[in-house]
Amino acid sequence: MKTVGRAGLKTGLLTPAEEAEVALRQCITIESGNVSYLQAIVQFYLTKGQVVKAREVGEQMLAEDPGNPLGRQLPDFIDSKKE
């Protein structure tokens, strides 16, 4: 991903997918412990086939809320997408 921030969004330097990633990352920056935002970015990465990034954020999600049943299932689900 290009690191251009808001200027890139205004000048059209980013693709729509990159714009979405920037927006999701900004949400996580604002509310780092928000499991819903983390879940959204995991889903985004899986949709884009970026399994490694999805796994990293999934681990962060699990660390934020270890009791979350979805978070506990995520590693196996993400690993199943590698195949």
PDB file of N, CA and C in Angstrom:
ATOM      1  N   MET A   1       0.833  -1.175   0.000  1.00  0.00           N
ATOM      2  CA  MET A   1       0.000   0.000   0.000  1.00  0.00           C
ATOM      3  C   MET A   1       0.880   1.241   0.000  1.00  0.00           C
ATOM      4  N   LYS A   2       0.501   2.212  -0.799  1.00  0.00           N
ATOM      5  CA  LYS A   2       1.226   3.476  -0.816  1.00  0.00           C
ATOM      6  C   LYS A   2       0.889   4.246   0.452  1.00  0.00           C
ATOM      7  N   THR A   3       1.872   4.903   1.020  1.00  0.00           N
ATOM      8  CA  THR A   3       1.637   5.702   2.213  1.00  0.00           C
ATOM      9  C   THR A   3       1.531   7.157   1.796  1.00  0.00           C
ATOM     10  N   VAL A   4       0.328   7.580   1.505  1.00  0.00           N
ATOM     11  CA  VAL A   4       0.129   8.963   1.077  1.00  0.00           C
ATOM     12  C   VAL A   4      -0.889   9.697   1.930  1.00  0.00           C
ATOM     13  N   GLY A   5      -1.615   8.980   2.754  1.00  0.00           N
ATOM     14  CA  GLY A   5      -2.570   9.608   3.658  1.00  0.00           C
ATOM     15  C   GLY A   5      -3.692  10.319   2.945  1.00  0.00           C
ATOM     16  N   ARG A   6      -4.227  11.333   3.585  1.00  0.00           N
ATOM     17  CA  ARG A   6      -5.393  12.037   3.053  1.00  0.00           C
ATOM     18  C   ARG A   6      -5.101  12.717   1.717  1.00  0.00           C
ATOM     19  N   ALA A   7      -3.881  13.184   1.512  1.00  0.00           N
ATOM     20  CA  ALA A   7      -3.546  13.838   0.257  1.00  0.00           C
ATOM     21  C   ALA A   7      -3.760  12.888  -0.913  1.00  0.00           C
ATOM     22  N   GLY A   8      -3.393  11.630  -0.722  1.00  0.00           N
ATOM     23  CA  GLY A   8      -3.577  10.640  -1.769  1.00  0.00           C
ATOM     24  C   GLY A   8      -5.039  10.400  -2.057  1.00  0.00           C
ATOM     25  N   LEU A   9      -5.865  10.438  -1.029  1.00  0.00           N
ATOM     26  CA  LEU A   9      -7.297  10.248  -1.230  1.00  0.00           C
ATOM     27  C   LEU A   9      -7.874  11.384  -2.067  1.00  0.00           C
ATOM     28  N   LYS A  10      -7.385  12.593  -1.841  1.00  0.00           N
ATOM     29  CA  LYS A  10      -7.921  13.751  -2.555  1.00  0.00           C
ATOM     30  C   LYS A  10      -7.403  13.853  -3.980  1.00  0.00           C
ATOM     31  N   THR A  11      -6.233  13.331  -4.256  1.00  0.00           N
ATOM     32  CA  THR A  11      -5.650  13.479  -5.581  1.00  0.00           C
ATOM     33  C   THR A  11      -5.869  12.264  -6.470  1.00  0.00           C
ATOM     34  N   GLY A  12      -6.528  11.227  -5.952  1.00  0.00           N
ATOM     35  CA  GLY A  12      -6.806  10.059  -6.762  1.00  0.00           C
ATOM     36  C   GLY A  12      -5.618   9.138  -6.958  1.00  0.00           C
ATOM     37  N   LEU A  13      -4.621   9.217  -6.099  1.00  0.00           N
ATOM     38  CA  LEU A  13      -3.440   8.367  -6.230  1.00  0.00           C
ATOM     39  C   LEU A  13      -3.717   6.929  -5.804  1.00  0.00           C
ATOM     40  N   LEU A  14      -4.772   6.718  -5.043  1.00  0.00           N
ATOM     41  CA  LEU A  14      -5.071   5.394  -4.522  1.00  0.00           C
ATOM     42  C   LEU A  14      -6.221   4.744  -5.294  1.00  0.00           C
ATOM     43  N   THR A  15      -6.152   3.444  -5.371  1.00  0.00           N
ATOM     44  CA  THR A  15      -7.265   2.698  -5.947  1.00  0.00           C
ATOM     45  C   THR A  15      -8.398   2.670  -4.912  1.00  0.00           C
ATOM     46  N   PRO A  16      -9.614   2.330  -5.318  1.00  0.00           N
ATOM     47  CA  PRO A  16     -10.696   2.225  -4.337  1.00  0.00           C
ATOM     48  C   PRO A  16     -10.376   1.241  -3.201  1.00  0.00           C
ATOM     49  N   ALA A  17      -9.727   0.128  -3.522  1.00  0.00           N
ATOM     50  CA  ALA A  17      -9.360  -0.841  -2.476  1.00  0.00           C
ATOM     51  C   ALA A  17      -8.358  -0.230  -1.506  1.00  0.00           C
ATOM     52  N   GLU A  18      -7.400   0.532  -2.024  1.00  0.00           N
ATOM     53  CA  GLU A  18      -6.421   1.178  -1.151  1.00  0.00           C
ATOM     54  C   GLU A  18      -7.091   2.248  -0.294  1.00  0.00           C
ATOM     55  N   GLU A  19      -8.057   2.958  -0.867  1.00  0.00           N
ATOM     56  CA  GLU A  19      -8.800   3.946  -0.093  1.00  0.00           C
ATOM     57  C   GLU A  19      -9.553   3.275   1.053  1.00  0.00           C
ATOM     58  N   ALA A  20     -10.151   2.119   0.770  1.00  0.00           N
ATOM     59  CA  ALA A  20     -10.878   1.379   1.807  1.00  0.00           C
ATOM     60  C   ALA A  20      -9.930   0.940   2.915  1.00  0.00           C
ATOM     61  N   GLU A  21      -8.758   0.459   2.528  1.00  0.00           N
ATOM     62  CA  GLU A  21      -7.787   0.024   3.534  1.00  0.00           C
ATOM     63  C   GLU A  21      -7.346   1.196   4.403  1.00  0.00           C
ATOM     64  N   VAL A  22      -7.092   2.336   3.784  1.00  0.00           N
ATOM     65  CA  VAL A  22      -6.693   3.529   4.544  1.00  0.00           C
ATOM     66  C   VAL A  22      -7.799   3.899   5.530  1.00  0.00           C
ATOM     67  N   ALA A  23      -9.042   3.879   5.081  1.00  0.00           N
ATOM     68  CA  ALA A  23     -10.166   4.240   5.952  1.00  0.00           C
ATOM     69  C   ALA A  23     -10.279   3.270   7.131  1.00  0.00           C
ATOM     70  N   LEU A  24     -10.154   1.977   6.852  1.00  0.00           N
ATOM     71  CA  LEU A  24     -10.224   0.988   7.933  1.00  0.00           C
ATOM     72  C   LEU A  24      -9.071   1.162   8.910  1.00  0.00           C
ATOM     73  N   ARG A  25      -7.883   1.406   8.382  1.00  0.00           N
ATOM     74  CA  ARG A  25      -6.720   1.617   9.253  1.00  0.00           C
ATOM     75  C   ARG A  25      -6.901   2.866  10.114  1.00  0.00           C
ATOM     76  N   GLN A  26      -7.513   3.896   9.554  1.00  0.00           N
ATOM     77  CA  GLN A  26      -7.760   5.107  10.336  1.00  0.00           C
ATOM     78  C   GLN A  26      -8.731   4.820  11.473  1.00  0.00           C
ATOM     79  N   CYS A  27      -9.747   4.002  11.205  1.00  0.00           N
ATOM     80  CA  CYS A  27     -10.684   3.615  12.269  1.00  0.00           C
ATOM     81  C   CYS A  27      -9.953   2.912  13.393  1.00  0.00           C
ATOM     82  N   ILE A  28      -9.044   2.005  13.033  1.00  0.00           N
ATOM     83  CA  ILE A  28      -8.280   1.269  14.047  1.00  0.00           C
ATOM     84  C   ILE A  28      -7.354   2.208  14.811  1.00  0.00           C
ATOM     85  N   THR A  29      -6.817   3.210  14.138  1.00  0.00           N
ATOM     86  CA  THR A  29      -5.957   4.186  14.802  1.00  0.00           C
ATOM     87  C   THR A  29      -6.755   4.993  15.825  1.00  0.00           C
ATOM     88  N   ILE A  30      -7.967   5.362  15.452  1.00  0.00           N
ATOM     89  CA  ILE A  30      -8.809   6.157  16.341  1.00  0.00           C
ATOM     90  C   ILE A  30      -9.289   5.333  17.536  1.00  0.00           C
ATOM     91  N   GLU A  31      -9.717   4.093  17.259  1.00  0.00           N
ATOM     92  CA  GLU A  31     -10.222   3.206  18.316  1.00  0.00           C
ATOM     93  C   GLU A  31      -9.513   1.860  18.214  1.00  0.00           C
ATOM     94  N   SER A  32      -8.287   1.810  18.704  1.00  0.00           N
ATOM     95  CA  SER A  32      -7.434   0.638  18.509  1.00  0.00           C
ATOM     96  C   SER A  32      -8.007  -0.651  19.085  1.00  0.00           C
ATOM     97  N   GLY A  33      -8.796  -0.567  20.119  1.00  0.00           N
ATOM     98  CA  GLY A  33      -9.323  -1.775  20.730  1.00  0.00           C
ATOM     99  C   GLY A  33     -10.686  -2.190  20.219  1.00  0.00           C
ATOM    100  N   ASN A  34     -11.182  -1.522  19.186  1.00  0.00           N
ATOM    101  CA  ASN A  34     -12.518  -1.818  18.677  1.00  0.00           C
ATOM    102  C   ASN A  34     -12.483  -3.105  17.851  1.00  0.00           C
ATOM    103  N   VAL A  35     -13.023  -4.164  18.426  1.00  0.00           N
ATOM    104  CA  VAL A  35     -12.971  -5.478  17.792  1.00  0.00           C
ATOM    105  C   VAL A  35     -13.778  -5.498  16.487  1.00  0.00           C
ATOM    106  N   SER A  36     -14.828  -4.712  16.405  1.00  0.00           N
ATOM    107  CA  SER A  36     -15.624  -4.659  15.173  1.00  0.00           C
ATOM    108  C   SER A  36     -14.803  -4.117  14.009  1.00  0.00           C
ATOM    109  N   TYR A  37     -13.999  -3.094  14.279  1.00  0.00           N
ATOM    110  CA  TYR A  37     -13.139  -2.548  13.227  1.00  0.00           C
ATOM    111  C   TYR A  37     -12.074  -3.563  12.820  1.00  0.00           C
ATOM    112  N   LEU A  38     -11.513  -4.232  13.813  1.00  0.00           N
ATOM    113  CA  LEU A  38     -10.499  -5.249  13.511  1.00  0.00           C
ATOM    114  C   LEU A  38     -11.115  -6.376  12.684  1.00  0.00           C
ATOM    115  N   GLN A  39     -12.318  -6.781  13.044  1.00  0.00           N
ATOM    116  CA  GLN A  39     -13.008  -7.828  12.284  1.00  0.00           C
ATOM    117  C   GLN A  39     -13.259  -7.368  10.846  1.00  0.00           C
ATOM    118  N   ALA A  40     -13.626  -6.105  10.678  1.00  0.00           N
ATOM    119  CA  ALA A  40     -13.878  -5.572   9.330  1.00  0.00           C
ATOM    120  C   ALA A  40     -12.622  -5.605   8.475  1.00  0.00           C
ATOM    121  N   ILE A  41     -11.483  -5.255   9.054  1.00  0.00           N
ATOM    122  CA  ILE A  41     -10.256  -5.252   8.252  1.00  0.00           C
ATOM    123  C   ILE A  41      -9.785  -6.676   7.965  1.00  0.00           C
ATOM    124  N   VAL A  42     -10.029  -7.613   8.894  1.00  0.00           N
ATOM    125  CA  VAL A  42      -9.721  -9.020   8.605  1.00  0.00           C
ATOM    126  C   VAL A  42     -10.541  -9.474   7.410  1.00  0.00           C
ATOM    127  N   GLN A  43     -11.818  -9.168   7.428  1.00  0.00           N
ATOM    128  CA  GLN A  43     -12.701  -9.559   6.323  1.00  0.00           C
ATOM    129  C   GLN A  43     -12.253  -8.904   5.015  1.00  0.00           C
ATOM    130  N   PHE A  44     -11.867  -7.634   5.075  1.00  0.00           N
ATOM    131  CA  PHE A  44     -11.380  -6.931   3.889  1.00  0.00           C
ATOM    132  C   PHE A  44     -10.153  -7.632   3.308  1.00  0.00           C
ATOM    133  N   TYR A  45      -9.183  -7.942   4.180  1.00  0.00           N
ATOM    134  CA  TYR A  45      -7.965  -8.596   3.709  1.00  0.00           C
ATOM    135  C   TYR A  45      -8.264  -9.976   3.119  1.00  0.00           C
ATOM    136  N   LEU A  46      -9.163 -10.717   3.744  1.00  0.00           N
ATOM    137  CA  LEU A  46      -9.512 -12.039   3.204  1.00  0.00           C
ATOM    138  C   LEU A  46     -10.171 -11.906   1.838  1.00  0.00           C
ATOM    139  N   THR A  47     -11.018 -10.908   1.685  1.00  0.00           N
ATOM    140  CA  THR A  47     -11.673 -10.672   0.397  1.00  0.00           C
ATOM    141  C   THR A  47     -10.654 -10.363  -0.690  1.00  0.00           C
ATOM    142  N   LYS A  48      -9.600  -9.667  -0.304  1.00  0.00           N
ATOM    143  CA  LYS A  48      -8.541  -9.289  -1.252  1.00  0.00           C
ATOM    144  C   LYS A  48      -7.472 -10.373  -1.405  1.00  0.00           C
ATOM    145  N   GLY A  49      -7.626 -11.491  -0.665  1.00  0.00           N
ATOM    146  CA  GLY A  49      -6.651 -12.571  -0.761  1.00  0.00           C
ATOM    147  C   GLY A  49      -5.360 -12.303  -0.009  1.00  0.00           C
ATOM    148  N   GLN A  50      -5.369 -11.339   0.889  1.00  0.00           N
ATOM    149  CA  GLN A  50      -4.181 -10.970   1.664  1.00  0.00           C
ATOM    150  C   GLN A  50      -4.224 -11.693   3.012  1.00  0.00           C
ATOM    151  N   VAL A  51      -3.957 -12.995   2.943  1.00  0.00           N
ATOM    152  CA  VAL A  51      -4.120 -13.870   4.094  1.00  0.00           C
ATOM    153  C   VAL A  51      -3.135 -13.531   5.213  1.00  0.00           C
ATOM    154  N   VAL A  52      -1.917 -13.188   4.869  1.00  0.00           N
ATOM    155  CA  VAL A  52      -0.915 -12.872   5.894  1.00  0.00           C
ATOM    156  C   VAL A  52      -1.357 -11.643   6.697  1.00  0.00           C
ATOM    157  N   LYS A  53      -1.807 -10.608   6.011  1.00  0.00           N
ATOM    158  CA  LYS A  53      -2.277  -9.411   6.707  1.00  0.00           C
ATOM    159  C   LYS A  53      -3.507  -9.732   7.544  1.00  0.00           C
ATOM    160  N   ALA A  54      -4.400 -10.555   7.001  1.00  0.00           N
ATOM    161  CA  ALA A  54      -5.598 -10.943   7.748  1.00  0.00           C
ATOM    162  C   ALA A  54      -5.216 -11.660   9.030  1.00  0.00           C
ATOM    163  N   ARG A  55      -4.236 -12.522   8.940  1.00  0.00           N
ATOM    164  CA  ARG A  55      -3.782 -13.283  10.111  1.00  0.00           C
ATOM    165  C   ARG A  55      -3.204 -12.343  11.177  1.00  0.00           C
ATOM    166  N   GLU A  56      -2.399 -11.368  10.745  1.00  0.00           N
ATOM    167  CA  GLU A  56      -1.803 -10.412  11.687  1.00  0.00           C
ATOM    168  C   GLU A  56      -2.888  -9.638  12.435  1.00  0.00           C
ATOM    169  N   VAL A  57      -3.871  -9.149  11.707  1.00  0.00           N
ATOM    170  CA  VAL A  57      -4.941  -8.383  12.344  1.00  0.00           C
ATOM    171  C   VAL A  57      -5.827  -9.303  13.179  1.00  0.00           C
ATOM    172  N   GLY A  58      -6.028 -10.526  12.725  1.00  0.00           N
ATOM    173  CA  GLY A  58      -6.783 -11.504  13.503  1.00  0.00           C
ATOM    174  C   GLY A  58      -6.135 -11.776  14.842  1.00  0.00           C
ATOM    175  N   GLU A  59      -4.816 -11.863  14.848  1.00  0.00           N
ATOM    176  CA  GLU A  59      -4.087 -12.061  16.108  1.00  0.00           C
ATOM    177  C   GLU A  59      -4.234 -10.848  17.020  1.00  0.00           C
ATOM    178  N   GLN A  60      -4.232  -9.663  16.424  1.00  0.00           N
ATOM    179  CA  GLN A  60      -4.438  -8.436  17.200  1.00  0.00           C
ATOM    180  C   GLN A  60      -5.855  -8.436  17.788  1.00  0.00           C
ATOM    181  N   MET A  61      -6.822  -8.877  16.989  1.00  0.00           N
ATOM    182  CA  MET A  61      -8.204  -8.947  17.460  1.00  0.00           C
ATOM    183  C   MET A  61      -8.330  -9.902  18.640  1.00  0.00           C
ATOM    184  N   LEU A  62      -7.689 -11.043  18.547  1.00  0.00           N
ATOM    185  CA  LEU A  62      -7.723 -12.030  19.618  1.00  0.00           C
ATOM    186  C   LEU A  62      -7.042 -11.491  20.876  1.00  0.00           C
ATOM    187  N   ALA A  63      -5.961 -10.755  20.712  1.00  0.00           N
ATOM    188  CA  ALA A  63      -5.264 -10.164  21.859  1.00  0.00           C
ATOM    189  C   ALA A  63      -6.134  -9.113  22.554  1.00  0.00           C
ATOM    190  N   GLU A  64      -6.902  -8.357  21.766  1.00  0.00           N
ATOM    191  CA  GLU A  64      -7.773  -7.326  22.329  1.00  0.00           C
ATOM    192  C   GLU A  64      -8.928  -7.928  23.115  1.00  0.00           C
ATOM    193  N   ASP A  65      -9.454  -9.059  22.638  1.00  0.00           N
ATOM    194  CA  ASP A  65     -10.622  -9.670  23.276  1.00  0.00           C
ATOM    195  C   ASP A  65     -10.488 -11.191  23.247  1.00  0.00           C
ATOM    196  N   PRO A  66      -9.661 -11.755  24.141  1.00  0.00           N
ATOM    197  CA  PRO A  66      -9.397 -13.196  24.124  1.00  0.00           C
ATOM    198  C   PRO A  66     -10.631 -14.060  24.348  1.00  0.00           C
ATOM    199  N   GLY A  67     -11.671 -13.512  24.960  1.00  0.00           N
ATOM    200  CA  GLY A  67     -12.874 -14.292  25.212  1.00  0.00           C
ATOM    201  C   GLY A  67     -13.856 -14.300  24.058  1.00  0.00           C
ATOM    202  N   ASN A  68     -13.571 -13.551  23.019  1.00  0.00           N
ATOM    203  CA  ASN A  68     -14.474 -13.462  21.871  1.00  0.00           C
ATOM    204  C   ASN A  68     -14.447 -14.777  21.094  1.00  0.00           C
ATOM    205  N   PRO A  69     -15.597 -15.469  20.994  1.00  0.00           N
ATOM    206  CA  PRO A  69     -15.619 -16.760  20.300  1.00  0.00           C
ATOM    207  C   PRO A  69     -15.182 -16.650  18.836  1.00  0.00           C
ATOM    208  N   LEU A  70     -15.576 -15.568  18.180  1.00  0.00           N
ATOM    209  CA  LEU A  70     -15.179 -15.389  16.782  1.00  0.00           C
ATOM    210  C   LEU A  70     -13.666 -15.233  16.682  1.00  0.00           C
ATOM    211  N   GLY A  71     -13.102 -14.466  17.588  1.00  0.00           N
ATOM    212  CA  GLY A  71     -11.654 -14.262  17.591  1.00  0.00           C
ATOM    213  C   GLY A  71     -10.886 -15.557  17.779  1.00  0.00           C
ATOM    214  N   ARG A  72     -11.421 -16.436  18.612  1.00  0.00           N
ATOM    215  CA  ARG A  72     -10.745 -17.721  18.843  1.00  0.00           C
ATOM    216  C   ARG A  72     -10.826 -18.618  17.614  1.00  0.00           C
ATOM    217  N   GLN A  73     -11.863 -18.469  16.808  1.00  0.00           N
ATOM    218  CA  GLN A  73     -12.029 -19.292  15.605  1.00  0.00           C
ATOM    219  C   GLN A  73     -11.273 -18.730  14.406  1.00  0.00           C
ATOM    220  N   LEU A  74     -10.926 -17.457  14.464  1.00  0.00           N
ATOM    221  CA  LEU A  74     -10.297 -16.798  13.314  1.00  0.00           C
ATOM    222  C   LEU A  74      -9.014 -17.450  12.816  1.00  0.00           C
ATOM    223  N   PRO A  75      -8.059 -17.800  13.686  1.00  0.00           N
ATOM    224  CA  PRO A  75      -6.815 -18.373  13.148  1.00  0.00           C
ATOM    225  C   PRO A  75      -7.047 -19.595  12.260  1.00  0.00           C
ATOM    226  N   ASP A  76      -7.902 -20.501  12.698  1.00  0.00           N
ATOM    227  CA  ASP A  76      -8.180 -21.691  11.878  1.00  0.00           C
ATOM    228  C   ASP A  76      -8.885 -21.311  10.587  1.00  0.00           C
ATOM    229  N   PHE A  77      -9.827 -20.376  10.670  1.00  0.00           N
ATOM    230  CA  PHE A  77     -10.557 -19.945   9.475  1.00  0.00           C
ATOM    231  C   PHE A  77      -9.609 -19.291   8.473  1.00  0.00           C
ATOM    232  N   ILE A  78      -8.745 -18.414   8.971  1.00  0.00           N
ATOM    233  CA  ILE A  78      -7.792 -17.728   8.090  1.00  0.00           C
ATOM    234  C   ILE A  78      -6.832 -18.735   7.467  1.00  0.00           C
ATOM    235  N   ASP A  79      -6.347 -19.653   8.271  1.00  0.00           N
ATOM    236  CA  ASP A  79      -5.436 -20.675   7.736  1.00  0.00           C
ATOM    237  C   ASP A  79      -6.103 -21.520   6.654  1.00  0.00           C
ATOM    238  N   SER A  80      -7.411 -21.738   6.759  1.00  0.00           N
ATOM    239  CA  SER A  80      -8.113 -22.525   5.739  1.00  0.00           C
ATOM    240  C   SER A  80      -8.165 -21.784   4.410  1.00  0.00           C
ATOM    241  N   LYS A  81      -7.999 -20.465   4.435  1.00  0.00           N
ATOM    242  CA  LYS A  81      -8.029 -19.660   3.200  1.00  0.00           C
ATOM    243  C   LYS A  81      -6.707 -19.713   2.450  1.00  0.00           C
ATOM    244  N   LYS A  82      -5.659 -20.233   3.076  1.00  0.00           N
ATOM    245  CA  LYS A  82      -4.346 -20.337   2.415  1.00  0.00           C
ATOM    246  C   LYS A  82      -4.358 -21.371   1.320  1.00  0.00           C
ATOM    247  N   GLU A  83      -5.232 -22.345   1.429  1.00  0.00           N
ATOM    248  CA  GLU A  83      -5.238 -23.467   0.504  1.00  0.00           C
ATOM    249  C   GLU A  83      -5.836 -23.129  -0.825  1.00  0.00           C
TER     250      GLU A  83
END
